[in-house]
Amino acid sequence: MFTGTLCADLRLGDVRSLKEKRSVVRPIVAEIARRHAVSVAETGHHDLYRRAEIGVAVVSGESVRCRDVLDAVERMLAERPGVELLQVRRQLFSDDDE
């Protein structure tokens, strides 16, 4: 069994309040979950209205599948209008890891 995680640091475009931030981030989180069948949540920068951190986790029997899904999520975020992908951190874990 393999578990892949991705943590994406985003800069949001024309956002002037936390309420506007929610209206931008919620659809992103929902689309990632719907399109890729992964666990996803806003995981950081909760008090900053122009920044967001989104965490994604996927579990699969094959490491290639984990990488493919995380690649697709990263591409989706990079191509999203009004959002700048600042940094991405990834990890891949195996049940053989200690």
PDB file of N, CA and C in Angstrom:
ATOM      1  N   MET A   1       0.842  -1.173   0.000  1.00  0.00           N
ATOM      2  CA  MET A   1       0.000   0.000   0.000  1.00  0.00           C
ATOM      3  C   MET A   1       0.890   1.239   0.000  1.00  0.00           C
ATOM      4  N   PHE A   2       0.476   2.245  -0.757  1.00  0.00           N
ATOM      5  CA  PHE A   2       1.214   3.498  -0.850  1.00  0.00           C
ATOM      6  C   PHE A   2       0.294   4.666  -0.504  1.00  0.00           C
ATOM      7  N   THR A   3       0.853   5.642   0.166  1.00  0.00           N
ATOM      8  CA  THR A   3       0.143   6.869   0.500  1.00  0.00           C
ATOM      9  C   THR A   3       0.947   8.039  -0.051  1.00  0.00           C
ATOM     10  N   GLY A   4       0.295   8.883  -0.823  1.00  0.00           N
ATOM     11  CA  GLY A   4       0.953  10.064  -1.363  1.00  0.00           C
ATOM     12  C   GLY A   4       0.310  11.313  -0.798  1.00  0.00           C
ATOM     13  N   THR A   5       1.135  12.296  -0.472  1.00  0.00           N
ATOM     14  CA  THR A   5       0.613  13.570   0.014  1.00  0.00           C
ATOM     15  C   THR A   5       1.204  14.711  -0.802  1.00  0.00           C
ATOM     16  N   LEU A   6       0.429  15.753  -0.915  1.00  0.00           N
ATOM     17  CA  LEU A   6       0.847  16.957  -1.612  1.00  0.00           C
ATOM     18  C   LEU A   6       0.372  18.142  -0.790  1.00  0.00           C
ATOM     19  N   CYS A   7       1.249  19.103  -0.592  1.00  0.00           N
ATOM     20  CA  CYS A   7       0.895  20.333   0.111  1.00  0.00           C
ATOM     21  C   CYS A   7       1.217  21.487  -0.837  1.00  0.00           C
ATOM     22  N   ALA A   8       0.199  22.226  -1.241  1.00  0.00           N
ATOM     23  CA  ALA A   8       0.360  23.308  -2.213  1.00  0.00           C
ATOM     24  C   ALA A   8       0.159  24.657  -1.532  1.00  0.00           C
ATOM     25  N   ASP A   9       1.115  25.543  -1.722  1.00  0.00           N
ATOM     26  CA  ASP A   9       1.042  26.910  -1.207  1.00  0.00           C
ATOM     27  C   ASP A   9       0.591  27.803  -2.364  1.00  0.00           C
ATOM     28  N   LEU A  10      -0.526  28.487  -2.183  1.00  0.00           N
ATOM     29  CA  LEU A  10      -1.122  29.273  -3.249  1.00  0.00           C
ATOM     30  C   LEU A  10      -1.195  30.753  -2.889  1.00  0.00           C
ATOM     31  N   ARG A  11      -1.026  31.605  -3.901  1.00  0.00           N
ATOM     32  CA  ARG A  11      -1.326  33.025  -3.751  1.00  0.00           C
ATOM     33  C   ARG A  11      -2.577  33.275  -4.579  1.00  0.00           C
ATOM     34  N   LEU A  12      -3.568  33.862  -3.920  1.00  0.00           N
ATOM     35  CA  LEU A  12      -4.845  34.107  -4.572  1.00  0.00           C
ATOM     36  C   LEU A  12      -4.826  35.481  -5.223  1.00  0.00           C
ATOM     37  N   GLY A  13      -5.527  35.609  -6.324  1.00  0.00           N
ATOM     38  CA  GLY A  13      -5.542  36.847  -7.098  1.00  0.00           C
ATOM     39  C   GLY A  13      -6.238  37.989  -6.386  1.00  0.00           C
ATOM     40  N   ASP A  14      -7.276  38.496  -6.977  1.00  0.00           N
ATOM     41  CA  ASP A  14      -7.975  39.689  -6.493  1.00  0.00           C
ATOM     42  C   ASP A  14      -8.932  39.326  -5.355  1.00  0.00           C
ATOM     43  N   VAL A  15      -8.376  39.085  -4.183  1.00  0.00           N
ATOM     44  CA  VAL A  15      -9.154  38.722  -2.999  1.00  0.00           C
ATOM     45  C   VAL A  15      -8.895  39.782  -1.940  1.00  0.00           C
ATOM     46  N   ARG A  16      -9.966  40.346  -1.385  1.00  0.00           N
ATOM     47  CA  ARG A  16      -9.817  41.454  -0.438  1.00  0.00           C
ATOM     48  C   ARG A  16     -10.344  41.159   0.969  1.00  0.00           C
ATOM     49  N   SER A  17     -10.844  39.938   1.189  1.00  0.00           N
ATOM     50  CA  SER A  17     -11.352  39.599   2.513  1.00  0.00           C
ATOM     51  C   SER A  17     -11.312  38.079   2.692  1.00  0.00           C
ATOM     52  N   LEU A  18     -11.483  37.650   3.932  1.00  0.00           N
ATOM     53  CA  LEU A  18     -11.524  36.213   4.204  1.00  0.00           C
ATOM     54  C   LEU A  18     -12.771  35.574   3.590  1.00  0.00           C
ATOM     55  N   LYS A  19     -13.846  36.346   3.512  1.00  0.00           N
ATOM     56  CA  LYS A  19     -15.070  35.834   2.888  1.00  0.00           C
ATOM     57  C   LYS A  19     -14.840  35.573   1.395  1.00  0.00           C
ATOM     58  N   GLU A  20     -14.180  36.491   0.714  1.00  0.00           N
ATOM     59  CA  GLU A  20     -13.839  36.277  -0.694  1.00  0.00           C
ATOM     60  C   GLU A  20     -12.882  35.097  -0.847  1.00  0.00           C
ATOM     61  N   LYS A  21     -11.949  34.968   0.091  1.00  0.00           N
ATOM     62  CA  LYS A  21     -11.013  33.841   0.049  1.00  0.00           C
ATOM     63  C   LYS A  21     -11.773  32.522   0.080  1.00  0.00           C
ATOM     64  N   ARG A  22     -12.742  32.419   0.986  1.00  0.00           N
ATOM     65  CA  ARG A  22     -13.544  31.189   1.073  1.00  0.00           C
ATOM     66  C   ARG A  22     -14.256  30.901  -0.242  1.00  0.00           C
ATOM     67  N   SER A  23     -14.732  31.953  -0.905  1.00  0.00           N
ATOM     68  CA  SER A  23     -15.458  31.757  -2.163  1.00  0.00           C
ATOM     69  C   SER A  23     -14.530  31.303  -3.291  1.00  0.00           C
ATOM     70  N   VAL A  24     -13.231  31.486  -3.145  1.00  0.00           N
ATOM     71  CA  VAL A  24     -12.250  31.020  -4.127  1.00  0.00           C
ATOM     72  C   VAL A  24     -11.745  29.624  -3.762  1.00  0.00           C
ATOM     73  N   VAL A  25     -11.438  29.417  -2.479  1.00  0.00           N
ATOM     74  CA  VAL A  25     -10.806  28.165  -2.043  1.00  0.00           C
ATOM     75  C   VAL A  25     -11.791  26.997  -2.017  1.00  0.00           C
ATOM     76  N   ARG A  26     -13.003  27.211  -1.547  1.00  0.00           N
ATOM     77  CA  ARG A  26     -13.966  26.110  -1.460  1.00  0.00           C
ATOM     78  C   ARG A  26     -14.210  25.408  -2.796  1.00  0.00           C
ATOM     79  N   PRO A  27     -14.423  26.143  -3.887  1.00  0.00           N
ATOM     80  CA  PRO A  27     -14.611  25.449  -5.161  1.00  0.00           C
ATOM     81  C   PRO A  27     -13.371  24.675  -5.621  1.00  0.00           C
ATOM     82  N   ILE A  28     -12.188  25.182  -5.298  1.00  0.00           N
ATOM     83  CA  ILE A  28     -10.956  24.471  -5.658  1.00  0.00           C
ATOM     84  C   ILE A  28     -10.895  23.142  -4.916  1.00  0.00           C
ATOM     85  N   VAL A  29     -11.137  23.179  -3.615  1.00  0.00           N
ATOM     86  CA  VAL A  29     -11.112  21.969  -2.791  1.00  0.00           C
ATOM     87  C   VAL A  29     -12.165  20.971  -3.288  1.00  0.00           C
ATOM     88  N   ALA A  30     -13.367  21.460  -3.565  1.00  0.00           N
ATOM     89  CA  ALA A  30     -14.446  20.577  -4.026  1.00  0.00           C
ATOM     90  C   ALA A  30     -14.116  19.948  -5.379  1.00  0.00           C
ATOM     91  N   GLU A  31     -13.532  20.727  -6.282  1.00  0.00           N
ATOM     92  CA  GLU A  31     -13.199  20.199  -7.607  1.00  0.00           C
ATOM     93  C   GLU A  31     -12.103  19.140  -7.530  1.00  0.00           C
ATOM     94  N   ILE A  32     -11.102  19.376  -6.689  1.00  0.00           N
ATOM     95  CA  ILE A  32     -10.038  18.374  -6.524  1.00  0.00           C
ATOM     96  C   ILE A  32     -10.625  17.074  -6.005  1.00  0.00           C
ATOM     97  N   ALA A  33     -11.456  17.158  -4.985  1.00  0.00           N
ATOM     98  CA  ALA A  33     -12.059  15.950  -4.401  1.00  0.00           C
ATOM     99  C   ALA A  33     -12.932  15.221  -5.414  1.00  0.00           C
ATOM    100  N   ARG A  34     -13.719  15.966  -6.176  1.00  0.00           N
ATOM    101  CA  ARG A  34     -14.641  15.364  -7.144  1.00  0.00           C
ATOM    102  C   ARG A  34     -13.906  14.731  -8.320  1.00  0.00           C
ATOM    103  N   ARG A  35     -12.932  15.427  -8.868  1.00  0.00           N
ATOM    104  CA  ARG A  35     -12.242  14.942 -10.069  1.00  0.00           C
ATOM    105  C   ARG A  35     -11.244  13.831  -9.800  1.00  0.00           C
ATOM    106  N   HIS A  36     -10.669  13.801  -8.598  1.00  0.00           N
ATOM    107  CA  HIS A  36      -9.557  12.879  -8.356  1.00  0.00           C
ATOM    108  C   HIS A  36      -9.814  11.873  -7.240  1.00  0.00           C
ATOM    109  N   ALA A  37     -10.956  11.937  -6.578  1.00  0.00           N
ATOM    110  CA  ALA A  37     -11.304  10.991  -5.509  1.00  0.00           C
ATOM    111  C   ALA A  37     -10.189  10.886  -4.467  1.00  0.00           C
ATOM    112  N   VAL A  38      -9.791  12.031  -3.916  1.00  0.00           N
ATOM    113  CA  VAL A  38      -8.746  12.111  -2.902  1.00  0.00           C
ATOM    114  C   VAL A  38      -9.298  12.825  -1.678  1.00  0.00           C
ATOM    115  N   SER A  39      -8.564  12.751  -0.589  1.00  0.00           N
ATOM    116  CA  SER A  39      -8.875  13.572   0.580  1.00  0.00           C
ATOM    117  C   SER A  39      -8.178  14.905   0.390  1.00  0.00           C
ATOM    118  N   VAL A  40      -8.905  15.990   0.610  1.00  0.00           N
ATOM    119  CA  VAL A  40      -8.341  17.321   0.377  1.00  0.00           C
ATOM    120  C   VAL A  40      -8.952  18.306   1.363  1.00  0.00           C
ATOM    121  N   ALA A  41      -8.124  19.253   1.817  1.00  0.00           N
ATOM    122  CA  ALA A  41      -8.593  20.266   2.760  1.00  0.00           C
ATOM    123  C   ALA A  41      -7.696  21.494   2.694  1.00  0.00           C
ATOM    124  N   GLU A  42      -8.248  22.625   3.121  1.00  0.00           N
ATOM    125  CA  GLU A  42      -7.422  23.801   3.322  1.00  0.00           C
ATOM    126  C   GLU A  42      -6.687  23.582   4.635  1.00  0.00           C
ATOM    127  N   THR A  43      -5.364  23.601   4.605  1.00  0.00           N
ATOM    128  CA  THR A  43      -4.588  23.195   5.775  1.00  0.00           C
ATOM    129  C   THR A  43      -3.732  24.297   6.384  1.00  0.00           C
ATOM    130  N   GLY A  44      -3.710  25.461   5.785  1.00  0.00           N
ATOM    131  CA  GLY A  44      -2.868  26.516   6.349  1.00  0.00           C
ATOM    132  C   GLY A  44      -3.211  27.891   5.818  1.00  0.00           C
ATOM    133  N   HIS A  45      -2.553  28.896   6.389  1.00  0.00           N
ATOM    134  CA  HIS A  45      -2.755  30.305   6.036  1.00  0.00           C
ATOM    135  C   HIS A  45      -4.214  30.720   6.223  1.00  0.00           C
ATOM    136  N   HIS A  46      -4.861  30.227   7.274  1.00  0.00           N
ATOM    137  CA  HIS A  46      -6.279  30.501   7.494  1.00  0.00           C
ATOM    138  C   HIS A  46      -6.565  31.982   7.753  1.00  0.00           C
ATOM    139  N   ASP A  47      -5.610  32.699   8.306  1.00  0.00           N
ATOM    140  CA  ASP A  47      -5.853  34.095   8.660  1.00  0.00           C
ATOM    141  C   ASP A  47      -5.351  35.078   7.600  1.00  0.00           C
ATOM    142  N   LEU A  48      -4.763  34.586   6.526  1.00  0.00           N
ATOM    143  CA  LEU A  48      -4.273  35.446   5.443  1.00  0.00           C
ATOM    144  C   LEU A  48      -5.239  35.349   4.267  1.00  0.00           C
ATOM    145  N   TYR A  49      -5.755  36.476   3.807  1.00  0.00           N
ATOM    146  CA  TYR A  49      -6.795  36.401   2.784  1.00  0.00           C
ATOM    147  C   TYR A  49      -6.266  36.248   1.368  1.00  0.00           C
ATOM    148  N   ARG A  50      -5.001  36.457   1.115  1.00  0.00           N
ATOM    149  CA  ARG A  50      -4.468  36.270  -0.241  1.00  0.00           C
ATOM    150  C   ARG A  50      -3.594  35.025  -0.378  1.00  0.00           C
ATOM    151  N   ARG A  51      -3.525  34.210   0.664  1.00  0.00           N
ATOM    152  CA  ARG A  51      -2.729  32.977   0.633  1.00  0.00           C
ATOM    153  C   ARG A  51      -3.604  31.820   1.084  1.00  0.00           C
ATOM    154  N   ALA A  52      -3.290  30.649   0.567  1.00  0.00           N
ATOM    155  CA  ALA A  52      -3.988  29.430   0.977  1.00  0.00           C
ATOM    156  C   ALA A  52      -3.021  28.267   0.872  1.00  0.00           C
ATOM    157  N   GLU A  53      -3.176  27.322   1.766  1.00  0.00           N
ATOM    158  CA  GLU A  53      -2.429  26.072   1.697  1.00  0.00           C
ATOM    159  C   GLU A  53      -3.451  24.959   1.577  1.00  0.00           C
ATOM    160  N   ILE A  54      -3.269  24.118   0.570  1.00  0.00           N
ATOM    161  CA  ILE A  54      -4.188  23.008   0.349  1.00  0.00           C
ATOM    162  C   ILE A  54      -3.414  21.707   0.464  1.00  0.00           C
ATOM    163  N   GLY A  55      -3.929  20.796   1.269  1.00  0.00           N
ATOM    164  CA  GLY A  55      -3.318  19.486   1.454  1.00  0.00           C
ATOM    165  C   GLY A  55      -4.152  18.412   0.778  1.00  0.00           C
ATOM    166  N   VAL A  56      -3.462  17.481   0.131  1.00  0.00           N
ATOM    167  CA  VAL A  56      -4.120  16.394  -0.607  1.00  0.00           C
ATOM    168  C   VAL A  56      -3.468  15.079  -0.185  1.00  0.00           C
ATOM    169  N   ALA A  57      -4.289  14.048  -0.011  1.00  0.00           N
ATOM    170  CA  ALA A  57      -3.766  12.718   0.306  1.00  0.00           C
ATOM    171  C   ALA A  57      -4.476  11.681  -0.560  1.00  0.00           C
ATOM    172  N   VAL A  58      -3.685  10.713  -1.034  1.00  0.00           N
ATOM    173  CA  VAL A  58      -4.225   9.639  -1.858  1.00  0.00           C
ATOM    174  C   VAL A  58      -3.606   8.314  -1.401  1.00  0.00           C
ATOM    175  N   VAL A  59      -4.393   7.258  -1.453  1.00  0.00           N
ATOM    176  CA  VAL A  59      -3.926   5.913  -1.097  1.00  0.00           C
ATOM    177  C   VAL A  59      -4.172   5.000  -2.281  1.00  0.00           C
ATOM    178  N   SER A  60      -3.162   4.170  -2.589  1.00  0.00           N
ATOM    179  CA  SER A  60      -3.286   3.246  -3.712  1.00  0.00           C
ATOM    180  C   SER A  60      -2.413   2.018  -3.473  1.00  0.00           C
ATOM    181  N   GLY A  61      -2.711   0.987  -4.201  1.00  0.00           N
ATOM    182  CA  GLY A  61      -1.887  -0.217  -4.150  1.00  0.00           C
ATOM    183  C   GLY A  61      -0.612  -0.084  -4.959  1.00  0.00           C
ATOM    184  N   GLU A  62      -0.528   0.955  -5.793  1.00  0.00           N
ATOM    185  CA  GLU A  62       0.632   1.149  -6.658  1.00  0.00           C
ATOM    186  C   GLU A  62       1.185   2.560  -6.502  1.00  0.00           C
ATOM    187  N   SER A  63       2.496   2.670  -6.396  1.00  0.00           N
ATOM    188  CA  SER A  63       3.118   3.988  -6.237  1.00  0.00           C
ATOM    189  C   SER A  63       2.907   4.857  -7.470  1.00  0.00           C
ATOM    190  N   VAL A  64       2.875   4.243  -8.645  1.00  0.00           N
ATOM    191  CA  VAL A  64       2.676   4.992  -9.892  1.00  0.00           C
ATOM    192  C   VAL A  64       1.326   5.700  -9.880  1.00  0.00           C
ATOM    193  N   ARG A  65       0.320   5.034  -9.379  1.00  0.00           N
ATOM    194  CA  ARG A  65      -1.025   5.635  -9.302  1.00  0.00           C
ATOM    195  C   ARG A  65      -1.014   6.853  -8.392  1.00  0.00           C
ATOM    196  N   CYS A  66      -0.356   6.752  -7.244  1.00  0.00           N
ATOM    197  CA  CYS A  66      -0.246   7.898  -6.331  1.00  0.00           C
ATOM    198  C   CYS A  66       0.421   9.076  -7.031  1.00  0.00           C
ATOM    199  N   ARG A  67       1.527   8.809  -7.697  1.00  0.00           N
ATOM    200  CA  ARG A  67       2.258   9.887  -8.401  1.00  0.00           C
ATOM    201  C   ARG A  67       1.407  10.510  -9.502  1.00  0.00           C
ATOM    202  N   ASP A  68       0.702   9.670 -10.262  1.00  0.00           N
ATOM    203  CA  ASP A  68      -0.137  10.180 -11.345  1.00  0.00           C
ATOM    204  C   ASP A  68      -1.243  11.097 -10.829  1.00  0.00           C
ATOM    205  N   VAL A  69      -1.874  10.699  -9.745  1.00  0.00           N
ATOM    206  CA  VAL A  69      -2.946  11.519  -9.176  1.00  0.00           C
ATOM    207  C   VAL A  69      -2.378  12.841  -8.654  1.00  0.00           C
ATOM    208  N   LEU A  70      -1.262  12.796  -7.936  1.00  0.00           N
ATOM    209  CA  LEU A  70      -0.667  14.030  -7.414  1.00  0.00           C
ATOM    210  C   LEU A  70      -0.180  14.929  -8.551  1.00  0.00           C
ATOM    211  N   ASP A  71       0.341  14.351  -9.625  1.00  0.00           N
ATOM    212  CA  ASP A  71       0.723  15.131 -10.812  1.00  0.00           C
ATOM    213  C   ASP A  71      -0.493  15.863 -11.384  1.00  0.00           C
ATOM    214  N   ALA A  72      -1.606  15.157 -11.496  1.00  0.00           N
ATOM    215  CA  ALA A  72      -2.824  15.749 -12.061  1.00  0.00           C
ATOM    216  C   ALA A  72      -3.347  16.884 -11.182  1.00  0.00           C
ATOM    217  N   VAL A  73      -3.302  16.702  -9.867  1.00  0.00           N
ATOM    218  CA  VAL A  73      -3.739  17.760  -8.949  1.00  0.00           C
ATOM    219  C   VAL A  73      -2.833  18.974  -9.091  1.00  0.00           C
ATOM    220  N   GLU A  74      -1.533  18.751  -9.138  1.00  0.00           N
ATOM    221  CA  GLU A  74      -0.587  19.864  -9.277  1.00  0.00           C
ATOM    222  C   GLU A  74      -0.815  20.620 -10.592  1.00  0.00           C
ATOM    223  N   ARG A  75      -1.026  19.896 -11.680  1.00  0.00           N
ATOM    224  CA  ARG A  75      -1.310  20.546 -12.971  1.00  0.00           C
ATOM    225  C   ARG A  75      -2.586  21.381 -12.895  1.00  0.00           C
ATOM    226  N   MET A  76      -3.608  20.815 -12.260  1.00  0.00           N
ATOM    227  CA  MET A  76      -4.872  21.531 -12.145  1.00  0.00           C
ATOM    228  C   MET A  76      -4.694  22.847 -11.394  1.00  0.00           C
ATOM    229  N   LEU A  77      -3.937  22.820 -10.303  1.00  0.00           N
ATOM    230  CA  LEU A  77      -3.695  24.030  -9.526  1.00  0.00           C
ATOM    231  C   LEU A  77      -2.852  25.029 -10.305  1.00  0.00           C
ATOM    232  N   ALA A  78      -1.847  24.556 -11.025  1.00  0.00           N
ATOM    233  CA  ALA A  78      -0.969  25.442 -11.789  1.00  0.00           C
ATOM    234  C   ALA A  78      -1.715  26.130 -12.931  1.00  0.00           C
ATOM    235  N   GLU A  79      -2.711  25.457 -13.480  1.00  0.00           N
ATOM    236  CA  GLU A  79      -3.447  25.999 -14.618  1.00  0.00           C
ATOM    237  C   GLU A  79      -4.660  26.821 -14.223  1.00  0.00           C
ATOM    238  N   ARG A  80      -4.973  26.855 -12.957  1.00  0.00           N
ATOM    239  CA  ARG A  80      -6.185  27.545 -12.496  1.00  0.00           C
ATOM    240  C   ARG A  80      -6.018  29.057 -12.607  1.00  0.00           C
ATOM    241  N   PRO A  81      -6.947  29.727 -13.290  1.00  0.00           N
ATOM    242  CA  PRO A  81      -6.846  31.186 -13.395  1.00  0.00           C
ATOM    243  C   PRO A  81      -7.096  31.863 -12.046  1.00  0.00           C
ATOM    244  N   GLY A  82      -6.387  32.944 -11.805  1.00  0.00           N
ATOM    245  CA  GLY A  82      -6.565  33.694 -10.567  1.00  0.00           C
ATOM    246  C   GLY A  82      -5.832  33.111  -9.378  1.00  0.00           C
ATOM    247  N   VAL A  83      -5.059  32.052  -9.601  1.00  0.00           N
ATOM    248  CA  VAL A  83      -4.316  31.397  -8.526  1.00  0.00           C
ATOM    249  C   VAL A  83      -2.880  31.197  -8.988  1.00  0.00           C
ATOM    250  N   GLU A  84      -1.935  31.573  -8.133  1.00  0.00           N
ATOM    251  CA  GLU A  84      -0.519  31.346  -8.435  1.00  0.00           C
ATOM    252  C   GLU A  84       0.006  30.256  -7.517  1.00  0.00           C
ATOM    253  N   LEU A  85       0.549  29.222  -8.096  1.00  0.00           N
ATOM    254  CA  LEU A  85       1.118  28.112  -7.337  1.00  0.00           C
ATOM    255  C   LEU A  85       2.540  28.495  -6.939  1.00  0.00           C
ATOM    256  N   LEU A  86       2.749  28.758  -5.657  1.00  0.00           N
ATOM    257  CA  LEU A  86       4.047  29.218  -5.171  1.00  0.00           C
ATOM    258  C   LEU A  86       5.006  28.075  -4.885  1.00  0.00           C
ATOM    259  N   GLN A  87       4.497  27.039  -4.241  1.00  0.00           N
ATOM    260  CA  GLN A  87       5.361  25.927  -3.831  1.00  0.00           C
ATOM    261  C   GLN A  87       4.526  24.671  -3.675  1.00  0.00           C
ATOM    262  N   VAL A  88       5.136  23.544  -3.982  1.00  0.00           N
ATOM    263  CA  VAL A  88       4.492  22.245  -3.792  1.00  0.00           C
ATOM    264  C   VAL A  88       5.470  21.331  -3.064  1.00  0.00           C
ATOM    265  N   ARG A  89       4.992  20.690  -2.014  1.00  0.00           N
ATOM    266  CA  ARG A  89       5.778  19.682  -1.305  1.00  0.00           C
ATOM    267  C   ARG A  89       5.034  18.355  -1.430  1.00  0.00           C
ATOM    268  N   ARG A  90       5.785  17.302  -1.735  1.00  0.00           N
ATOM    269  CA  ARG A  90       5.195  15.972  -1.913  1.00  0.00           C
ATOM    270  C   ARG A  90       5.933  14.954  -1.066  1.00  0.00           C
ATOM    271  N   GLN A  91       5.201  13.929  -0.684  1.00  0.00           N
ATOM    272  CA  GLN A  91       5.807  12.782  -0.019  1.00  0.00           C
ATOM    273  C   GLN A  91       5.081  11.531  -0.471  1.00  0.00           C
ATOM    274  N   LEU A  92       5.825  10.461  -0.575  1.00  0.00           N
ATOM    275  CA  LEU A  92       5.255   9.163  -0.909  1.00  0.00           C
ATOM    276  C   LEU A  92       5.700   8.175   0.155  1.00  0.00           C
ATOM    277  N   PHE A  93       4.732   7.520   0.757  1.00  0.00           N
ATOM    278  CA  PHE A  93       5.013   6.560   1.821  1.00  0.00           C
ATOM    279  C   PHE A  93       4.581   5.168   1.370  1.00  0.00           C
ATOM    280  N   SER A  94       5.324   4.169   1.822  1.00  0.00           N
ATOM    281  CA  SER A  94       4.992   2.771   1.564  1.00  0.00           C
ATOM    282  C   SER A  94       4.714   2.097   2.894  1.00  0.00           C
ATOM    283  N   ASP A  95       3.903   1.065   2.889  1.00  0.00           N
ATOM    284  CA  ASP A  95       3.669   0.341   4.147  1.00  0.00           C
ATOM    285  C   ASP A  95       4.920  -0.391   4.611  1.00  0.00           C
ATOM    286  N   ASP A  96       5.940  -0.459   3.753  1.00  0.00           N
ATOM    287  CA  ASP A  96       7.219  -1.045   4.138  1.00  0.00           C
ATOM    288  C   ASP A  96       8.107  -0.045   4.877  1.00  0.00           C
ATOM    289  N   ASP A  97       7.762   1.269   4.813  1.00  0.00           N
ATOM    290  CA  ASP A  97       8.554   2.295   5.510  1.00  0.00           C
ATOM    291  C   ASP A  97       8.454   2.084   7.009  1.00  0.00           C
ATOM    292  N   GLU A  98       9.518   2.433   7.691  1.00  0.00           N
ATOM    293  CA  GLU A  98       9.491   2.286   9.144  1.00  0.00           C
ATOM    294  C   GLU A  98       9.659   3.594   9.826  1.00  0.00           C
TER     295      GLU A  98
END
